[in-house]
Every structure is written in C-alpha cells, then in structure tokens.
PDB file of N, CA and C in Angstrom:
ATOM      1  N   MET A   1    -112.757 111.776 143.785  1.00  0.00           N
ATOM      2  CA  MET A   1    -113.000 111.672 142.372  1.00  0.00           C
ATOM      3  C   MET A   1    -111.663 111.577 141.634  1.00  0.00           C
ATOM      4  N   SER A   2    -111.639 110.777 140.564  1.00  0.00           N
ATOM      5  CA  SER A   2    -110.422 110.589 139.780  1.00  0.00           C
ATOM      6  C   SER A   2    -110.197 111.760 138.841  1.00  0.00           C
ATOM      7  N   SER A   3    -108.939 112.079 138.656  1.00  0.00           N
ATOM      8  CA  SER A   3    -108.591 113.153 137.724  1.00  0.00           C
ATOM      9  C   SER A   3    -108.170 112.561 136.383  1.00  0.00           C
ATOM     10  N   LYS A   4    -108.036 113.413 135.388  1.00  0.00           N
ATOM     11  CA  LYS A   4    -107.568 112.974 134.072  1.00  0.00           C
ATOM     12  C   LYS A   4    -106.168 112.374 134.185  1.00  0.00           C
ATOM     13  N   LYS A   5    -105.326 112.956 135.025  1.00  0.00           N
ATOM     14  CA  LYS A   5    -103.965 112.448 135.218  1.00  0.00           C
ATOM     15  C   LYS A   5    -103.997 111.038 135.814  1.00  0.00           C
ATOM     16  N   ASP A   6    -104.909 110.778 136.788  1.00  0.00           N
ATOM     17  CA  ASP A   6    -105.053 109.429 137.356  1.00  0.00           C
ATOM     18  C   ASP A   6    -105.434 108.439 136.268  1.00  0.00           C
ATOM     19  N   PHE A   7    -106.360 108.839 135.398  1.00  0.00           N
ATOM     20  CA  PHE A   7    -106.799 107.972 134.306  1.00  0.00           C
ATOM     21  C   PHE A   7    -105.633 107.675 133.363  1.00  0.00           C
ATOM     22  N   GLU A   8    -104.881 108.700 132.980  1.00  0.00           N
ATOM     23  CA  GLU A   8    -103.754 108.516 132.060  1.00  0.00           C
ATOM     24  C   GLU A   8    -102.665 107.650 132.673  1.00  0.00           C
ATOM     25  N   ASN A   9    -102.430 107.782 133.976  1.00  0.00           N
ATOM     26  CA  ASN A   9    -101.433 106.944 134.642  1.00  0.00           C
ATOM     27  C   ASN A   9    -101.883 105.493 134.712  1.00  0.00           C
ATOM     28  N   THR A  10    -103.178 105.271 134.871  1.00  0.00           N
ATOM     29  CA  THR A  10    -103.722 103.923 134.942  1.00  0.00           C
ATOM     30  C   THR A  10    -103.782 103.286 133.560  1.00  0.00           C
ATOM     31  N   PHE A  11    -104.112 104.067 132.546  1.00  0.00           N
ATOM     32  CA  PHE A  11    -104.263 103.573 131.176  1.00  0.00           C
ATOM     33  C   PHE A  11    -103.369 104.378 130.229  1.00  0.00           C
ATOM     34  N   PRO A  12    -102.039 104.179 130.288  1.00  0.00           N
ATOM     35  CA  PRO A  12    -101.142 105.008 129.470  1.00  0.00           C
ATOM     36  C   PRO A  12    -101.371 104.860 127.974  1.00  0.00           C
ATOM     37  N   SER A  13    -101.932 103.728 127.517  1.00  0.00           N
ATOM     38  CA  SER A  13    -102.155 103.563 126.078  1.00  0.00           C
ATOM     39  C   SER A  13    -103.327 104.409 125.583  1.00  0.00           C
ATOM     40  N   SER A  14    -104.083 105.019 126.502  1.00  0.00           N
ATOM     41  CA  SER A  14    -105.212 105.848 126.086  1.00  0.00           C
ATOM     42  C   SER A  14    -104.809 107.285 125.780  1.00  0.00           C
ATOM     43  N   LYS A  15    -103.558 107.652 126.067  1.00  0.00           N
ATOM     44  CA  LYS A  15    -103.130 109.013 125.759  1.00  0.00           C
ATOM     45  C   LYS A  15    -102.159 108.993 124.581  1.00  0.00           C
ATOM     46  N   GLN A  16    -102.080 110.123 123.914  1.00  0.00           N
ATOM     47  CA  GLN A  16    -101.154 110.266 122.797  1.00  0.00           C
ATOM     48  C   GLN A  16    -100.328 111.514 123.023  1.00  0.00           C
ATOM     49  N   ILE A  17     -99.047 111.367 122.869  1.00  0.00           N
ATOM     50  CA  ILE A  17     -98.134 112.498 123.043  1.00  0.00           C
ATOM     51  C   ILE A  17     -97.692 112.954 121.657  1.00  0.00           C
ATOM     52  N   GLY A  18     -97.806 114.218 121.378  1.00  0.00           N
ATOM     53  CA  GLY A  18     -97.312 114.756 120.115  1.00  0.00           C
ATOM     54  C   GLY A  18     -98.290 114.700 118.969  1.00  0.00           C
ATOM     55  N   GLY A  19     -99.516 115.108 119.164  1.00  0.00           N
ATOM     56  CA  GLY A  19    -100.477 115.176 118.070  1.00  0.00           C
ATOM     57  C   GLY A  19    -101.745 114.402 118.379  1.00  0.00           C
ATOM     58  N   SER A  20    -102.623 114.371 117.384  1.00  0.00           N
ATOM     59  CA  SER A  20    -103.890 113.671 117.561  1.00  0.00           C
ATOM     60  C   SER A  20    -104.198 112.765 116.367  1.00  0.00           C
ATOM     61  N   HIS A  21    -103.180 112.417 115.593  1.00  0.00           N
ATOM     62  CA  HIS A  21    -103.371 111.674 114.356  1.00  0.00           C
ATOM     63  C   HIS A  21    -103.860 110.244 114.549  1.00  0.00           C
ATOM     64  N   TYR A  22    -103.838 109.693 115.766  1.00  0.00           N
ATOM     65  CA  TYR A  22    -104.366 108.343 116.014  1.00  0.00           C
ATOM     66  C   TYR A  22    -105.693 108.374 116.760  1.00  0.00           C
ATOM     67  N   LYS A  23    -106.090 109.516 117.277  1.00  0.00           N
ATOM     68  CA  LYS A  23    -107.242 109.612 118.181  1.00  0.00           C
ATOM     69  C   LYS A  23    -108.573 109.220 117.545  1.00  0.00           C
ATOM     70  N   ASN A  24    -108.743 109.381 116.260  1.00  0.00           N
ATOM     71  CA  ASN A  24    -110.043 109.141 115.625  1.00  0.00           C
ATOM     72  C   ASN A  24    -110.278 107.694 115.196  1.00  0.00           C
ATOM     73  N   PHE A  25    -109.312 106.818 115.410  1.00  0.00           N
ATOM     74  CA  PHE A  25    -109.478 105.428 115.006  1.00  0.00           C
ATOM     75  C   PHE A  25    -110.266 104.649 116.056  1.00  0.00           C
ATOM     76  N   SER A  26    -111.125 103.733 115.606  1.00  0.00           N
ATOM     77  CA  SER A  26    -111.884 102.914 116.558  1.00  0.00           C
ATOM     78  C   SER A  26    -110.977 101.896 117.244  1.00  0.00           C
ATOM     79  N   ILE A  27    -109.903 101.486 116.561  1.00  0.00           N
ATOM     80  CA  ILE A  27    -108.891 100.610 117.151  1.00  0.00           C
ATOM     81  C   ILE A  27    -107.560 101.344 117.032  1.00  0.00           C
ATOM     82  N   GLN A  28    -106.905 101.567 118.138  1.00  0.00           N
ATOM     83  CA  GLN A  28    -105.614 102.245 118.116  1.00  0.00           C
ATOM     84  C   GLN A  28    -104.562 101.331 117.479  1.00  0.00           C
ATOM     85  N   PRO A  29    -103.664 101.881 116.670  1.00  0.00           N
ATOM     86  CA  PRO A  29    -102.612 101.056 116.073  1.00  0.00           C
ATOM     87  C   PRO A  29    -101.855 100.231 117.115  1.00  0.00           C
ATOM     88  N   TYR A  30    -101.534 100.834 118.260  1.00  0.00           N
ATOM     89  CA  TYR A  30    -100.818 100.115 119.321  1.00  0.00           C
ATOM     90  C   TYR A  30    -101.585  98.872 119.751  1.00  0.00           C
ATOM     91  N   THR A  31    -102.892  99.009 119.930  1.00  0.00           N
ATOM     92  CA  THR A  31    -103.726  97.878 120.348  1.00  0.00           C
ATOM     93  C   THR A  31    -103.730  96.794 119.277  1.00  0.00           C
ATOM     94  N   PHE A  32    -103.895  97.192 118.020  1.00  0.00           N
ATOM     95  CA  PHE A  32    -103.904  96.231 116.917  1.00  0.00           C
ATOM     96  C   PHE A  32    -102.570  95.507 116.807  1.00  0.00           C
ATOM     97  N   ILE A  33    -101.485  96.261 116.903  1.00  0.00           N
ATOM     98  CA  ILE A  33    -100.138  95.697 116.754  1.00  0.00           C
ATOM     99  C   ILE A  33     -99.846  94.687 117.853  1.00  0.00           C
ATOM    100  N   THR A  34    -100.107  95.063 119.099  1.00  0.00           N
ATOM    101  CA  THR A  34     -99.802  94.159 120.211  1.00  0.00           C
ATOM    102  C   THR A  34    -100.766  92.973 120.261  1.00  0.00           C
ATOM    103  N   SER A  35    -102.030  93.189 119.913  1.00  0.00           N
ATOM    104  CA  SER A  35    -103.017  92.102 119.931  1.00  0.00           C
ATOM    105  C   SER A  35    -102.718  91.042 118.875  1.00  0.00           C
ATOM    106  N   ASN A  36    -102.057  91.450 117.811  1.00  0.00           N
ATOM    107  CA  ASN A  36    -101.748  90.528 116.716  1.00  0.00           C
ATOM    108  C   ASN A  36    -100.294  90.086 116.693  1.00  0.00           C
ATOM    109  N   ASP A  37     -99.551  90.420 117.744  1.00  0.00           N
ATOM    110  CA  ASP A  37     -98.167  89.984 117.903  1.00  0.00           C
ATOM    111  C   ASP A  37     -97.327  90.265 116.650  1.00  0.00           C
ATOM    112  N   LEU A  38     -97.444  91.485 116.144  1.00  0.00           N
ATOM    113  CA  LEU A  38     -96.715  91.848 114.937  1.00  0.00           C
ATOM    114  C   LEU A  38     -95.270  92.188 115.256  1.00  0.00           C
ATOM    115  N   SER A  39     -94.410  91.997 114.260  1.00  0.00           N
ATOM    116  CA  SER A  39     -93.000  92.341 114.414  1.00  0.00           C
ATOM    117  C   SER A  39     -92.845  93.861 114.444  1.00  0.00           C
ATOM    118  N   PHE A  40     -91.652  94.300 114.777  1.00  0.00           N
ATOM    119  CA  PHE A  40     -91.347  95.731 114.799  1.00  0.00           C
ATOM    120  C   PHE A  40     -91.636  96.367 113.437  1.00  0.00           C
ATOM    121  N   PHE A  41     -91.171  95.732 112.370  1.00  0.00           N
ATOM    122  CA  PHE A  41     -91.351  96.285 111.035  1.00  0.00           C
ATOM    123  C   PHE A  41     -92.826  96.290 110.642  1.00  0.00           C
ATOM    124  N   GLN A  42     -93.537  95.205 110.918  1.00  0.00           N
ATOM    125  CA  GLN A  42     -94.967  95.143 110.612  1.00  0.00           C
ATOM    126  C   GLN A  42     -95.734  96.206 111.387  1.00  0.00           C
ATOM    127  N   GLY A  43     -95.376  96.391 112.643  1.00  0.00           N
ATOM    128  CA  GLY A  43     -96.033  97.396 113.467  1.00  0.00           C
ATOM    129  C   GLY A  43     -95.844  98.797 112.921  1.00  0.00           C
ATOM    130  N   ASN A  44     -94.647  99.084 112.441  1.00  0.00           N
ATOM    131  CA  ASN A  44     -94.399 100.406 111.862  1.00  0.00           C
ATOM    132  C   ASN A  44     -95.195 100.611 110.580  1.00  0.00           C
ATOM    133  N   VAL A  45     -95.348  99.560 109.783  1.00  0.00           N
ATOM    134  CA  VAL A  45     -96.174  99.681 108.577  1.00  0.00           C
ATOM    135  C   VAL A  45     -97.599 100.055 108.973  1.00  0.00           C
ATOM    136  N   ILE A  46     -98.156  99.365 109.957  1.00  0.00           N
ATOM    137  CA  ILE A  46     -99.518  99.659 110.421  1.00  0.00           C
ATOM    138  C   ILE A  46     -99.601 101.108 110.909  1.00  0.00           C
ATOM    139  N   LYS A  47     -98.643 101.499 111.727  1.00  0.00           N
ATOM    140  CA  LYS A  47     -98.630 102.850 112.300  1.00  0.00           C
ATOM    141  C   LYS A  47     -98.634 103.918 111.199  1.00  0.00           C
ATOM    142  N   TYR A  48     -97.749 103.770 110.214  1.00  0.00           N
ATOM    143  CA  TYR A  48     -97.652 104.789 109.170  1.00  0.00           C
ATOM    144  C   TYR A  48     -98.830 104.739 108.203  1.00  0.00           C
ATOM    145  N   VAL A  49     -99.383 103.562 107.947  1.00  0.00           N
ATOM    146  CA  VAL A  49    -100.579 103.471 107.110  1.00  0.00           C
ATOM    147  C   VAL A  49    -101.728 104.232 107.770  1.00  0.00           C
ATOM    148  N   CYS A  50    -101.850 104.088 109.075  1.00  0.00           N
ATOM    149  CA  CYS A  50    -102.937 104.755 109.799  1.00  0.00           C
ATOM    150  C   CYS A  50    -102.787 106.269 109.835  1.00  0.00           C
ATOM    151  N   ARG A  51    -101.577 106.764 109.870  1.00  0.00           N
ATOM    152  CA  ARG A  51    -101.405 108.192 110.128  1.00  0.00           C
ATOM    153  C   ARG A  51    -101.062 109.044 108.917  1.00  0.00           C
ATOM    154  N   TYR A  52    -100.680 108.443 107.789  1.00  0.00           N
ATOM    155  CA  TYR A  52    -100.089 109.244 106.710  1.00  0.00           C
ATOM    156  C   TYR A  52    -101.001 110.367 106.209  1.00  0.00           C
ATOM    157  N   LYS A  53    -102.316 110.139 106.169  1.00  0.00           N
ATOM    158  CA  LYS A  53    -103.221 111.179 105.667  1.00  0.00           C
ATOM    159  C   LYS A  53    -103.307 112.374 106.615  1.00  0.00           C
ATOM    160  N   ASN A  54    -103.123 112.120 107.902  1.00  0.00           N
ATOM    161  CA  ASN A  54    -103.296 113.177 108.900  1.00  0.00           C
ATOM    162  C   ASN A  54    -101.993 113.725 109.462  1.00  0.00           C
ATOM    163  N   LYS A  55    -100.856 113.195 108.993  1.00  0.00           N
ATOM    164  CA  LYS A  55     -99.607 113.692 109.567  1.00  0.00           C
ATOM    165  C   LYS A  55     -98.611 114.081 108.484  1.00  0.00           C
ATOM    166  N   ASN A  56     -97.846 113.141 107.956  1.00  0.00           N
ATOM    167  CA  ASN A  56     -96.720 113.501 107.088  1.00  0.00           C
ATOM    168  C   ASN A  56     -96.875 113.098 105.625  1.00  0.00           C
ATOM    169  N   GLY A  57     -98.036 112.644 105.214  1.00  0.00           N
ATOM    170  CA  GLY A  57     -98.311 112.373 103.802  1.00  0.00           C
ATOM    171  C   GLY A  57     -97.287 111.475 103.113  1.00  0.00           C
ATOM    172  N   ILE A  58     -96.698 111.987 102.060  1.00  0.00           N
ATOM    173  CA  ILE A  58     -95.768 111.218 101.225  1.00  0.00           C
ATOM    174  C   ILE A  58     -94.587 110.694 102.032  1.00  0.00           C
ATOM    175  N   GLU A  59     -94.091 111.476 102.962  1.00  0.00           N
ATOM    176  CA  GLU A  59     -92.968 111.013 103.796  1.00  0.00           C
ATOM    177  C   GLU A  59     -93.342 109.728 104.536  1.00  0.00           C
ATOM    178  N   ASP A  60     -94.552 109.672 105.093  1.00  0.00           N
ATOM    179  CA  ASP A  60     -94.988 108.458 105.790  1.00  0.00           C
ATOM    180  C   ASP A  60     -95.184 107.297 104.813  1.00  0.00           C
ATOM    181  N   LEU A  61     -95.659 107.579 103.593  1.00  0.00           N
ATOM    182  CA  LEU A  61     -95.790 106.516 102.583  1.00  0.00           C
ATOM    183  C   LEU A  61     -94.422 105.934 102.233  1.00  0.00           C
ATOM    184  N   LYS A  62     -93.410 106.774 102.169  1.00  0.00           N
ATOM    185  CA  LYS A  62     -92.044 106.292 101.915  1.00  0.00           C
ATOM    186  C   LYS A  62     -91.554 105.425 103.076  1.00  0.00           C
ATOM    187  N   LYS A  63     -91.940 105.801 104.293  1.00  0.00           N
ATOM    188  CA  LYS A  63     -91.563 104.998 105.456  1.00  0.00           C
ATOM    189  C   LYS A  63     -92.241 103.634 105.413  1.00  0.00           C
ATOM    190  N   ILE A  64     -93.489 103.584 104.926  1.00  0.00           N
ATOM    191  CA  ILE A  64     -94.187 102.299 104.773  1.00  0.00           C
ATOM    192  C   ILE A  64     -93.382 101.397 103.845  1.00  0.00           C
ATOM    193  N   ILE A  65     -92.971 101.935 102.716  1.00  0.00           N
ATOM    194  CA  ILE A  65     -92.176 101.161 101.753  1.00  0.00           C
ATOM    195  C   ILE A  65     -90.873 100.698 102.397  1.00  0.00           C
ATOM    196  N   HIS A  66     -90.212 101.599 103.112  1.00  0.00           N
ATOM    197  CA  HIS A  66     -88.948 101.269 103.768  1.00  0.00           C
ATOM    198  C   HIS A  66     -89.125 100.106 104.752  1.00  0.00           C
ATOM    199  N   TYR A  67     -90.152 100.166 105.592  1.00  0.00           N
ATOM    200  CA  TYR A  67     -90.364  99.100 106.570  1.00  0.00           C
ATOM    201  C   TYR A  67     -90.802  97.796 105.906  1.00  0.00           C
ATOM    202  N   CYS A  68     -91.508  97.884 104.781  1.00  0.00           N
ATOM    203  CA  CYS A  68     -91.827  96.667 104.023  1.00  0.00           C
ATOM    204  C   CYS A  68     -90.545  96.038 103.474  1.00  0.00           C
ATOM    205  N   GLU A  69     -89.643  96.861 102.967  1.00  0.00           N
ATOM    206  CA  GLU A  69     -88.369  96.352 102.455  1.00  0.00           C
ATOM    207  C   GLU A  69     -87.546  95.706 103.575  1.00  0.00           C
ATOM    208  N   LEU A  70     -87.559  96.311 104.752  1.00  0.00           N
ATOM    209  CA  LEU A  70     -86.834  95.722 105.887  1.00  0.00           C
ATOM    210  C   LEU A  70     -87.452  94.386 106.305  1.00  0.00           C
ATOM    211  N   GLU A  71     -88.768  94.293 106.281  1.00  0.00           N
ATOM    212  CA  GLU A  71     -89.442  93.030 106.617  1.00  0.00           C
ATOM    213  C   GLU A  71     -89.098  91.954 105.588  1.00  0.00           C
ATOM    214  N   ILE A  72     -89.093  92.324 104.315  1.00  0.00           N
ATOM    215  CA  ILE A  72     -88.708  91.377 103.255  1.00  0.00           C
ATOM    216  C   ILE A  72     -87.281  90.899 103.470  1.00  0.00           C
ATOM    217  N   GLN A  73     -86.377  91.813 103.784  1.00  0.00           N
ATOM    218  CA  GLN A  73     -84.979  91.451 104.038  1.00  0.00           C
ATOM    219  C   GLN A  73     -84.883  90.472 105.209  1.00  0.00           C
ATOM    220  N   GLU A  74     -85.609  90.745 106.279  1.00  0.00           N
ATOM    221  CA  GLU A  74     -85.571  89.871 107.457  1.00  0.00           C
ATOM    222  C   GLU A  74     -86.145  88.493 107.141  1.00  0.00           C
ATOM    223  N   LEU A  75     -87.266  88.456 106.440  1.00  0.00           N
ATOM    224  CA  LEU A  75     -87.861  87.173 106.074  1.00  0.00           C
ATOM    225  C   LEU A  75     -86.963  86.388 105.126  1.00  0.00           C
ATOM    226  N   SER A  76     -86.258  87.091 104.249  1.00  0.00           N
ATOM    227  CA  SER A  76     -85.322  86.417 103.337  1.00  0.00           C
ATOM    228  C   SER A  76     -84.176  85.774 104.108  1.00  0.00           C
ATOM    229  N   LYS A  77     -83.683  86.456 105.134  1.00  0.00           N
ATOM    230  CA  LYS A  77     -82.621  85.881 105.971  1.00  0.00           C
ATOM    231  C   LYS A  77     -83.126  84.633 106.689  1.00  0.00           C
ATOM    232  N   ILE A  78     -84.328  84.699 107.215  1.00  0.00           N
ATOM    233  CA  ILE A  78     -84.905  83.544 107.913  1.00  0.00           C
ATOM    234  C   ILE A  78     -85.077  82.383 106.950  1.00  0.00           C
ATOM    235  N   LYS A  79     -85.594  82.664 105.752  1.00  0.00           N
ATOM    236  CA  LYS A  79     -85.775  81.618 104.743  1.00  0.00           C
ATOM    237  C   LYS A  79     -84.435  80.975 104.389  1.00  0.00           C
ATOM    238  N   GLU A  80     -83.406  81.789 104.240  1.00  0.00           N
ATOM    239  CA  GLU A  80     -82.070  81.276 103.910  1.00  0.00           C
ATOM    240  C   GLU A  80     -81.547  80.370 105.025  1.00  0.00           C
ATOM    241  N   ARG A  81     -81.748  80.792 106.278  1.00  0.00           N
ATOM    242  CA  ARG A  81     -81.294  79.960 107.404  1.00  0.00           C
ATOM    243  C   ARG A  81     -82.029  78.627 107.429  1.00  0.00           C
ATOM    244  N   ILE A  82     -83.322  78.648 107.167  1.00  0.00           N
ATOM    245  CA  ILE A  82     -84.109  77.409 107.141  1.00  0.00           C
ATOM    246  C   ILE A  82     -83.609  76.498 106.024  1.00  0.00           C
ATOM    247  N   GLU A  83     -83.350  77.058 104.862  1.00  0.00           N
ATOM    248  CA  GLU A  83     -82.840  76.268 103.739  1.00  0.00           C
ATOM    249  C   GLU A  83     -81.477  75.660 104.075  1.00  0.00           C
ATOM    250  N   ASN A  84     -80.615  76.426 104.743  1.00  0.00           N
ATOM    251  CA  ASN A  84     -79.299  75.904 105.134  1.00  0.00           C
ATOM    252  C   ASN A  84     -79.436  74.736 106.102  1.00  0.00           C
ATOM    253  N   VAL A  85     -80.301  74.870 107.085  1.00  0.00           N
ATOM    254  CA  VAL A  85     -80.509  73.786 108.055  1.00  0.00           C
ATOM    255  C   VAL A  85     -81.099  72.567 107.357  1.00  0.00           C
ATOM    256  N   THR A  86     -82.073  72.786 106.478  1.00  0.00           N
ATOM    257  CA  THR A  86     -82.689  71.682 105.732  1.00  0.00           C
ATOM    258  C   THR A  86     -81.650  70.946 104.900  1.00  0.00           C
ATOM    259  N   ASN A  87     -80.772  71.687 104.231  1.00  0.00           N
ATOM    260  CA  ASN A  87     -79.723  71.060 103.427  1.00  0.00           C
ATOM    261  C   ASN A  87     -78.744  70.269 104.295  1.00  0.00           C
ATOM    262  N   LYS A  88     -78.421  70.779 105.468  1.00  0.00           N
ATOM    263  CA  LYS A  88     -77.533  70.055 106.381  1.00  0.00           C
ATOM    264  C   LYS A  88     -78.174  68.759 106.865  1.00  0.00           C
ATOM    265  N   ILE A  89     -79.467  68.822 107.137  1.00  0.00           N
ATOM    266  CA  ILE A  89     -80.181  67.614 107.569  1.00  0.00           C
ATOM    267  C   ILE A  89     -80.195  66.579 106.443  1.00  0.00           C
ATOM    268  N   LYS A  90     -80.467  67.021 105.227  1.00  0.00           N
ATOM    269  CA  LYS A  90     -80.475  66.108 104.080  1.00  0.00           C
ATOM    270  C   LYS A  90     -79.095  65.481 103.867  1.00  0.00           C
ATOM    271  N   ALA A  91     -78.045  66.295 103.997  1.00  0.00           N
ATOM    272  CA  ALA A  91     -76.683  65.772 103.834  1.00  0.00           C
ATOM    273  C   ALA A  91     -76.365  64.760 104.924  1.00  0.00           C
ATOM    274  N   TYR A  92     -76.788  65.038 106.139  1.00  0.00           N
ATOM    275  CA  TYR A  92     -76.568  64.110 107.249  1.00  0.00           C
ATOM    276  C   TYR A  92     -77.324  62.805 107.012  1.00  0.00           C
ATOM    277  N   GLU A  93     -78.588  62.903 106.601  1.00  0.00           N
ATOM    278  CA  GLU A  93     -79.381  61.698 106.336  1.00  0.00           C
ATOM    279  C   GLU A  93     -78.746  60.860 105.231  1.00  0.00           C
ATOM    280  N   GLN A  94     -78.248  61.523 104.192  1.00  0.00           N
ATOM    281  CA  GLN A  94     -77.603  60.792 103.099  1.00  0.00           C
ATOM    282  C   GLN A  94     -76.342  60.095 103.591  1.00  0.00           C
ATOM    283  N   LYS A  95     -75.609  60.769 104.460  1.00  0.00           N
ATOM    284  CA  LYS A  95     -74.386  60.183 105.020  1.00  0.00           C
ATOM    285  C   LYS A  95     -74.726  58.971 105.885  1.00  0.00           C
ATOM    286  N   VAL A  96     -75.764  59.099 106.701  1.00  0.00           N
ATOM    287  CA  VAL A  96     -76.143  58.016 107.617  1.00  0.00           C
ATOM    288  C   VAL A  96     -76.796  56.862 106.875  1.00  0.00           C
ATOM    289  N   TRP A  97     -77.753  57.165 105.982  1.00  0.00           N
ATOM    290  CA  TRP A  97     -78.512  56.096 105.323  1.00  0.00           C
ATOM    291  C   TRP A  97     -78.009  55.776 103.927  1.00  0.00           C
ATOM    292  N   GLY A  98     -77.137  56.614 103.390  1.00  0.00           N
ATOM    293  CA  GLY A  98     -76.551  56.345 102.083  1.00  0.00           C
ATOM    294  C   GLY A  98     -77.460  56.559 100.910  1.00  0.00           C
ATOM    295  N   GLU A  99     -78.572  57.223 101.119  1.00  0.00           N
ATOM    296  CA  GLU A  99     -79.496  57.494 100.003  1.00  0.00           C
ATOM    297  C   GLU A  99     -80.331  58.717 100.348  1.00  0.00           C
ATOM    298  N   ASP A 100     -80.962  59.265  99.309  1.00  0.00           N
ATOM    299  CA  ASP A 100     -81.868  60.380  99.518  1.00  0.00           C
ATOM    300  C   ASP A 100     -83.184  59.883 100.087  1.00  0.00           C
ATOM    301  N   LYS A 101     -83.765  60.646 101.002  1.00  0.00           N
ATOM    302  CA  LYS A 101     -85.043  60.288 101.607  1.00  0.00           C
ATOM    303  C   LYS A 101     -86.210  60.742 100.734  1.00  0.00           C
ATOM    304  N   ASP A 102     -85.947  61.593  99.723  1.00  0.00           N
ATOM    305  CA  ASP A 102     -87.024  62.133  98.885  1.00  0.00           C
ATOM    306  C   ASP A 102     -87.560  61.062  98.043  1.00  0.00           C
TER     307      ASP A 102
END
C-alpha cells in the first residue's frame, strides 16, 4: 500500500510547505500559472491575489502592486526595444529605396 510520503514524492505539486493558504482553492495557483505560461511577475500577482485574505493581508496587496509595477516596467522595455528595431528598419528602407514605405 502507498503511503502519504509516496504520494507527495510522486505528486510534489499536491503538497504545500509553510501553511494552508492555497489548500482551499479548486485550482492551485501553481497549476494556473504554469498552465497559462505566465511570466514570473504575473505568477506572483496571481499567487498574492489568491492568498492575501488568508495570509498577510495588506502586505500581500502591496506585493501585488509591486509585481504589477515590475511587469509594467518590463513590458515598457520590450515596447521600447520593438520601437527601436522598427525605427532602424524604416531608416534602412528609406536608405535603400529613398522614400518612406508608409
């Protein structure tokens, strides 16, 4: 017969270390985060949204805001890089064809 330890070793995502604040959810935050291929920052937002009422309250709400700000910062950097590449392509096209493609 299998023991609880055998089950936990086979299915490590079914156990929680350090509290029970995720145990009552029908979908575990870890499962939702990995199933939806969320970024590190997005995953932390989900995690803290799920647990704030049962764990650290206002502190966790502040962490949600912090991780949202970090995600915004990261997306802004990506947007800036895309704009830089787009501008370089436009400059190259103008140099090659001598006119704007727009």
